[in-house]
Amino acid sequence: MYRLLVRPVTAGAVLVVAAASACSYVGREDFDTMVADIRSEMSAQDQRISANEAGVADLQSDLEGLRVSLDELRDEFQVVVSEFEDGIRFATPVHFDFDSAEGRLRRSGGVHQL
C-alpha cells in the first residue's frame, strides 16, 4: 500500500519542481521593456491598418467612378458591358455604310471612346 501512494506523490513532486525551475523571475524593468516593445509593435500595426483602410477607400471610390463612366457609355452608345471575375467585356453596335461602294465602318463615337 505504501508503494501505491509513493509513486503518485513522487511524480507530483517532480512536476512541481520542474514547473518551478522552468519559471524564472522577471524583473520590473524587463517587464516594462517588453510591454513597451509590444505596444510600439501594436502602434505600428495600427498605422499600417489605417493606411490599408485608406487605400481600400480610394480603390472603392475609383471603382464607383468607373461604374458611373461605364453606365454613361452604356446609355449613350447602347454598349453592353459584361462584368467578369477577371475582366470586363464590351459589346458595341457596329454600323456599316452599306450605301457606300467601299463598305467601310461608319464612324461612331462609342467605338472610339472604348
N, C-alpha and C. Protein backbone atom coordinates (compact mmCIF):
# COMPACT_ATOMS: atom_id res chain seq x y z
N MET A 1 0.82 -1.19 0.00
CA MET A 1 0.00 0.00 0.00
C MET A 1 0.87 1.26 0.00
N TYR A 2 1.95 1.21 0.72
CA TYR A 2 2.85 2.35 0.80
C TYR A 2 3.41 2.69 -0.57
N ARG A 3 3.76 1.67 -1.36
CA ARG A 3 4.31 1.89 -2.69
C ARG A 3 3.29 2.54 -3.62
N LEU A 4 2.02 2.21 -3.48
CA LEU A 4 0.99 2.78 -4.33
C LEU A 4 0.84 4.28 -4.09
N LEU A 5 1.06 4.74 -2.89
CA LEU A 5 0.96 6.16 -2.57
C LEU A 5 2.23 6.92 -2.90
N VAL A 6 3.37 6.26 -2.82
CA VAL A 6 4.65 6.93 -3.02
C VAL A 6 4.83 7.36 -4.49
N ARG A 7 4.44 6.53 -5.42
CA ARG A 7 4.62 6.86 -6.84
C ARG A 7 3.86 8.12 -7.26
N PRO A 8 2.56 8.25 -7.00
CA PRO A 8 1.88 9.49 -7.40
C PRO A 8 2.42 10.72 -6.70
N VAL A 9 2.77 10.59 -5.43
CA VAL A 9 3.31 11.74 -4.69
C VAL A 9 4.67 12.12 -5.25
N THR A 10 5.49 11.16 -5.59
CA THR A 10 6.80 11.43 -6.16
C THR A 10 6.66 12.08 -7.54
N ALA A 11 5.76 11.55 -8.34
CA ALA A 11 5.54 12.11 -9.66
C ALA A 11 5.04 13.55 -9.55
N GLY A 12 4.13 13.81 -8.62
CA GLY A 12 3.62 15.16 -8.41
C GLY A 12 4.72 16.10 -7.96
N ALA A 13 5.59 15.64 -7.06
CA ALA A 13 6.70 16.47 -6.59
C ALA A 13 7.66 16.80 -7.71
N VAL A 14 7.93 15.83 -8.56
CA VAL A 14 8.83 16.07 -9.70
C VAL A 14 8.22 17.11 -10.64
N LEU A 15 6.91 17.03 -10.89
CA LEU A 15 6.26 18.01 -11.75
C LEU A 15 6.31 19.42 -11.16
N VAL A 16 6.10 19.52 -9.86
CA VAL A 16 6.14 20.84 -9.21
C VAL A 16 7.54 21.42 -9.28
N VAL A 17 8.56 20.62 -9.05
CA VAL A 17 9.94 21.10 -9.11
C VAL A 17 10.29 21.51 -10.55
N ALA A 18 9.84 20.72 -11.53
CA ALA A 18 10.14 21.05 -12.93
C ALA A 18 9.44 22.34 -13.34
N ALA A 19 8.20 22.51 -12.93
CA ALA A 19 7.47 23.73 -13.27
C ALA A 19 8.09 24.94 -12.59
N ALA A 20 8.50 24.79 -11.35
CA ALA A 20 9.09 25.91 -10.62
C ALA A 20 10.44 26.30 -11.21
N SER A 21 11.21 25.32 -11.68
CA SER A 21 12.51 25.65 -12.25
C SER A 21 12.36 26.24 -13.65
N ALA A 22 11.28 25.90 -14.35
CA ALA A 22 11.07 26.45 -15.68
C ALA A 22 10.65 27.91 -15.62
N CYS A 23 9.97 28.30 -14.59
CA CYS A 23 9.56 29.69 -14.43
C CYS A 23 10.71 30.47 -13.81
N SER A 24 11.01 31.60 -14.41
CA SER A 24 12.06 32.42 -13.83
C SER A 24 11.46 33.76 -13.45
N TYR A 25 12.14 34.44 -12.65
CA TYR A 25 11.67 35.73 -12.18
C TYR A 25 11.95 36.78 -13.25
N VAL A 26 10.96 37.59 -13.55
CA VAL A 26 11.12 38.69 -14.50
C VAL A 26 11.09 39.97 -13.70
N GLY A 27 12.14 40.73 -13.85
CA GLY A 27 12.22 41.99 -13.12
C GLY A 27 11.26 43.01 -13.70
N ARG A 28 10.96 44.01 -12.90
CA ARG A 28 10.02 45.05 -13.31
C ARG A 28 10.52 45.79 -14.55
N GLU A 29 11.82 46.08 -14.62
CA GLU A 29 12.38 46.79 -15.77
C GLU A 29 12.27 45.96 -17.04
N ASP A 30 12.57 44.65 -16.92
CA ASP A 30 12.45 43.76 -18.09
C ASP A 30 11.00 43.68 -18.56
N PHE A 31 10.11 43.59 -17.61
CA PHE A 31 8.68 43.52 -17.95
C PHE A 31 8.23 44.79 -18.64
N ASP A 32 8.61 45.94 -18.09
CA ASP A 32 8.22 47.22 -18.69
C ASP A 32 8.81 47.38 -20.10
N THR A 33 10.03 46.93 -20.29
CA THR A 33 10.67 46.99 -21.61
C THR A 33 9.92 46.13 -22.61
N MET A 34 9.57 44.90 -22.20
CA MET A 34 8.84 44.00 -23.10
C MET A 34 7.46 44.56 -23.43
N VAL A 35 6.77 45.11 -22.46
CA VAL A 35 5.45 45.68 -22.70
C VAL A 35 5.55 46.90 -23.62
N ALA A 36 6.58 47.71 -23.43
CA ALA A 36 6.78 48.88 -24.31
C ALA A 36 7.06 48.43 -25.74
N ASP A 37 7.85 47.38 -25.92
CA ASP A 37 8.11 46.85 -27.27
C ASP A 37 6.83 46.34 -27.92
N ILE A 38 6.03 45.63 -27.14
CA ILE A 38 4.77 45.11 -27.67
C ILE A 38 3.84 46.25 -28.05
N ARG A 39 3.78 47.28 -27.21
CA ARG A 39 2.91 48.42 -27.51
C ARG A 39 3.37 49.17 -28.76
N SER A 40 4.69 49.32 -28.94
CA SER A 40 5.18 50.00 -30.13
C SER A 40 4.88 49.18 -31.39
N GLU A 41 4.99 47.84 -31.30
CA GLU A 41 4.64 46.99 -32.44
C GLU A 41 3.15 47.10 -32.76
N MET A 42 2.33 47.15 -31.73
CA MET A 42 0.88 47.29 -31.94
C MET A 42 0.56 48.63 -32.57
N SER A 43 1.25 49.68 -32.15
CA SER A 43 1.03 51.01 -32.72
C SER A 43 1.42 51.04 -34.20
N ALA A 44 2.54 50.40 -34.52
CA ALA A 44 2.98 50.33 -35.92
C ALA A 44 1.96 49.56 -36.76
N GLN A 45 1.44 48.48 -36.23
CA GLN A 45 0.43 47.70 -36.95
C GLN A 45 -0.84 48.51 -37.14
N ASP A 46 -1.23 49.27 -36.12
CA ASP A 46 -2.42 50.12 -36.25
C ASP A 46 -2.25 51.14 -37.37
N GLN A 47 -1.04 51.70 -37.49
CA GLN A 47 -0.78 52.67 -38.55
C GLN A 47 -0.85 52.01 -39.92
N ARG A 48 -0.31 50.79 -40.02
CA ARG A 48 -0.39 50.06 -41.30
C ARG A 48 -1.83 49.74 -41.66
N ILE A 49 -2.61 49.36 -40.67
CA ILE A 49 -4.02 49.05 -40.92
C ILE A 49 -4.76 50.30 -41.39
N SER A 50 -4.48 51.44 -40.76
CA SER A 50 -5.12 52.69 -41.18
C SER A 50 -4.74 53.05 -42.61
N ALA A 51 -3.48 52.85 -42.96
CA ALA A 51 -3.04 53.13 -44.33
C ALA A 51 -3.74 52.20 -45.32
N ASN A 52 -3.88 50.93 -44.96
CA ASN A 52 -4.58 49.99 -45.83
C ASN A 52 -6.05 50.36 -45.98
N GLU A 53 -6.68 50.78 -44.91
CA GLU A 53 -8.08 51.18 -44.98
C GLU A 53 -8.25 52.38 -45.90
N ALA A 54 -7.31 53.33 -45.84
CA ALA A 54 -7.38 54.50 -46.72
C ALA A 54 -7.20 54.07 -48.18
N GLY A 55 -6.29 53.14 -48.42
CA GLY A 55 -6.08 52.64 -49.78
C GLY A 55 -7.31 51.93 -50.32
N VAL A 56 -7.96 51.15 -49.48
CA VAL A 56 -9.17 50.45 -49.89
C VAL A 56 -10.28 51.45 -50.20
N ALA A 57 -10.40 52.48 -49.40
CA ALA A 57 -11.41 53.52 -49.64
C ALA A 57 -11.15 54.22 -50.98
N ASP A 58 -9.87 54.50 -51.29
CA ASP A 58 -9.54 55.11 -52.58
C ASP A 58 -9.91 54.20 -53.74
N LEU A 59 -9.62 52.91 -53.60
CA LEU A 59 -9.96 51.97 -54.66
C LEU A 59 -11.47 51.87 -54.85
N GLN A 60 -12.21 51.90 -53.76
CA GLN A 60 -13.67 51.84 -53.88
C GLN A 60 -14.21 53.07 -54.59
N SER A 61 -13.67 54.24 -54.29
CA SER A 61 -14.14 55.45 -54.98
C SER A 61 -13.76 55.40 -56.46
N ASP A 62 -12.58 54.87 -56.79
CA ASP A 62 -12.19 54.72 -58.20
C ASP A 62 -13.13 53.77 -58.92
N LEU A 63 -13.49 52.67 -58.27
CA LEU A 63 -14.41 51.71 -58.88
C LEU A 63 -15.79 52.32 -59.09
N GLU A 64 -16.24 53.12 -58.15
CA GLU A 64 -17.53 53.78 -58.32
C GLU A 64 -17.49 54.75 -59.50
N GLY A 65 -16.40 55.48 -59.64
CA GLY A 65 -16.24 56.37 -60.79
C GLY A 65 -16.24 55.61 -62.11
N LEU A 66 -15.56 54.47 -62.13
CA LEU A 66 -15.54 53.63 -63.33
C LEU A 66 -16.93 53.10 -63.64
N ARG A 67 -17.66 52.70 -62.62
CA ARG A 67 -19.02 52.21 -62.82
C ARG A 67 -19.92 53.30 -63.41
N VAL A 68 -19.78 54.52 -62.92
CA VAL A 68 -20.57 55.64 -63.46
C VAL A 68 -20.21 55.88 -64.92
N SER A 69 -18.92 55.85 -65.25
CA SER A 69 -18.48 56.05 -66.64
C SER A 69 -19.01 54.95 -67.55
N LEU A 70 -18.98 53.72 -67.07
CA LEU A 70 -19.50 52.61 -67.88
C LEU A 70 -21.00 52.72 -68.08
N ASP A 71 -21.71 53.16 -67.06
CA ASP A 71 -23.15 53.35 -67.20
C ASP A 71 -23.46 54.44 -68.22
N GLU A 72 -22.67 55.52 -68.21
CA GLU A 72 -22.87 56.59 -69.19
C GLU A 72 -22.60 56.08 -70.61
N LEU A 73 -21.55 55.29 -70.75
CA LEU A 73 -21.22 54.72 -72.05
C LEU A 73 -22.34 53.80 -72.54
N ARG A 74 -22.86 53.00 -71.65
CA ARG A 74 -23.95 52.08 -72.00
C ARG A 74 -25.18 52.86 -72.43
N ASP A 75 -25.51 53.90 -71.70
CA ASP A 75 -26.72 54.67 -72.02
C ASP A 75 -26.57 55.49 -73.30
N GLU A 76 -25.40 56.06 -73.51
CA GLU A 76 -25.22 56.95 -74.66
C GLU A 76 -25.06 56.18 -75.97
N PHE A 77 -24.32 55.06 -75.96
CA PHE A 77 -24.00 54.37 -77.21
C PHE A 77 -24.56 52.95 -77.29
N GLN A 78 -25.45 52.58 -76.40
CA GLN A 78 -26.05 51.25 -76.36
C GLN A 78 -24.99 50.15 -76.28
N VAL A 79 -23.98 50.38 -75.46
CA VAL A 79 -22.91 49.41 -75.26
C VAL A 79 -23.34 48.43 -74.18
N VAL A 80 -23.14 47.16 -74.44
CA VAL A 80 -23.42 46.14 -73.42
C VAL A 80 -22.12 45.88 -72.67
N VAL A 81 -22.15 46.08 -71.37
CA VAL A 81 -20.96 45.89 -70.54
C VAL A 81 -21.20 44.66 -69.67
N SER A 82 -20.34 43.66 -69.83
CA SER A 82 -20.44 42.43 -69.03
C SER A 82 -19.26 42.38 -68.08
N GLU A 83 -19.56 42.21 -66.81
CA GLU A 83 -18.50 42.14 -65.80
C GLU A 83 -18.21 40.68 -65.49
N PHE A 84 -16.94 40.35 -65.48
CA PHE A 84 -16.48 39.01 -65.14
C PHE A 84 -15.55 39.09 -63.95
N GLU A 85 -15.21 37.95 -63.42
CA GLU A 85 -14.32 37.91 -62.26
C GLU A 85 -12.94 38.47 -62.61
N ASP A 86 -12.47 38.21 -63.82
CA ASP A 86 -11.13 38.63 -64.20
C ASP A 86 -11.09 39.72 -65.26
N GLY A 87 -12.23 40.37 -65.53
CA GLY A 87 -12.20 41.43 -66.53
C GLY A 87 -13.58 41.94 -66.88
N ILE A 88 -13.62 42.78 -67.91
CA ILE A 88 -14.86 43.39 -68.40
C ILE A 88 -14.91 43.16 -69.91
N ARG A 89 -16.10 42.84 -70.40
CA ARG A 89 -16.28 42.65 -71.83
C ARG A 89 -17.27 43.70 -72.33
N PHE A 90 -16.93 44.30 -73.49
CA PHE A 90 -17.78 45.30 -74.11
C PHE A 90 -18.35 44.74 -75.41
N ALA A 91 -19.62 44.96 -75.64
CA ALA A 91 -20.24 44.62 -76.92
C ALA A 91 -20.88 45.90 -77.43
N THR A 92 -20.35 46.41 -78.53
CA THR A 92 -20.85 47.67 -79.08
C THR A 92 -21.53 47.42 -80.41
N PRO A 93 -22.56 48.18 -80.69
CA PRO A 93 -23.18 48.05 -82.01
C PRO A 93 -22.23 48.61 -83.07
N VAL A 94 -22.15 47.91 -84.19
CA VAL A 94 -21.29 48.34 -85.28
C VAL A 94 -22.18 48.62 -86.49
N HIS A 95 -22.00 49.77 -87.11
CA HIS A 95 -22.81 50.18 -88.26
C HIS A 95 -21.89 50.35 -89.47
N PHE A 96 -22.27 49.74 -90.56
CA PHE A 96 -21.51 49.87 -91.80
C PHE A 96 -22.26 50.78 -92.76
N ASP A 97 -21.52 51.47 -93.58
CA ASP A 97 -22.10 52.31 -94.63
C ASP A 97 -22.40 51.41 -95.83
N PHE A 98 -23.58 50.84 -95.84
CA PHE A 98 -23.91 49.95 -96.95
C PHE A 98 -24.25 50.72 -98.22
N ASP A 99 -24.58 52.04 -98.10
CA ASP A 99 -24.87 52.80 -99.30
C ASP A 99 -23.58 53.20 -100.02
N SER A 100 -22.44 52.99 -99.37
CA SER A 100 -21.17 53.36 -99.97
C SER A 100 -20.58 52.16 -100.72
N ALA A 101 -19.82 52.43 -101.76
CA ALA A 101 -19.20 51.36 -102.54
C ALA A 101 -18.04 50.72 -101.78
N GLU A 102 -17.49 51.42 -100.79
CA GLU A 102 -16.33 50.91 -100.07
C GLU A 102 -16.73 49.96 -98.94
N GLY A 103 -17.91 50.10 -98.37
CA GLY A 103 -18.36 49.24 -97.27
C GLY A 103 -17.55 49.40 -96.00
N ARG A 104 -17.15 50.62 -95.73
CA ARG A 104 -16.34 50.90 -94.53
C ARG A 104 -17.22 51.04 -93.30
N LEU A 105 -16.54 50.95 -92.18
CA LEU A 105 -17.22 51.14 -90.89
C LEU A 105 -17.57 52.60 -90.73
N ARG A 106 -18.82 52.86 -90.39
CA ARG A 106 -19.26 54.21 -90.13
C ARG A 106 -18.69 54.65 -88.79
N ARG A 107 -18.10 55.80 -88.76
CA ARG A 107 -17.51 56.29 -87.51
C ARG A 107 -18.61 56.55 -86.49
N SER A 108 -18.36 56.01 -85.31
CA SER A 108 -19.31 56.18 -84.22
C SER A 108 -18.50 56.58 -83.00
N GLY A 109 -19.05 57.48 -82.21
CA GLY A 109 -18.33 57.96 -81.03
C GLY A 109 -18.05 56.88 -80.00
N GLY A 110 -18.96 55.93 -79.86
CA GLY A 110 -18.80 54.89 -78.85
C GLY A 110 -17.63 53.99 -79.09
N VAL A 111 -17.37 53.62 -80.34
CA VAL A 111 -16.26 52.73 -80.67
C VAL A 111 -14.94 53.42 -80.35
N HIS A 112 -14.84 54.69 -80.62
CA HIS A 112 -13.59 55.40 -80.41
C HIS A 112 -13.35 55.76 -78.95
N GLN A 113 -14.40 55.81 -78.16
CA GLN A 113 -14.23 56.10 -76.74
C GLN A 113 -13.75 54.88 -75.97
N LEU A 114 -13.99 53.70 -76.45
CA LEU A 114 -13.53 52.50 -75.76
C LEU A 114 -12.05 52.41 -75.91
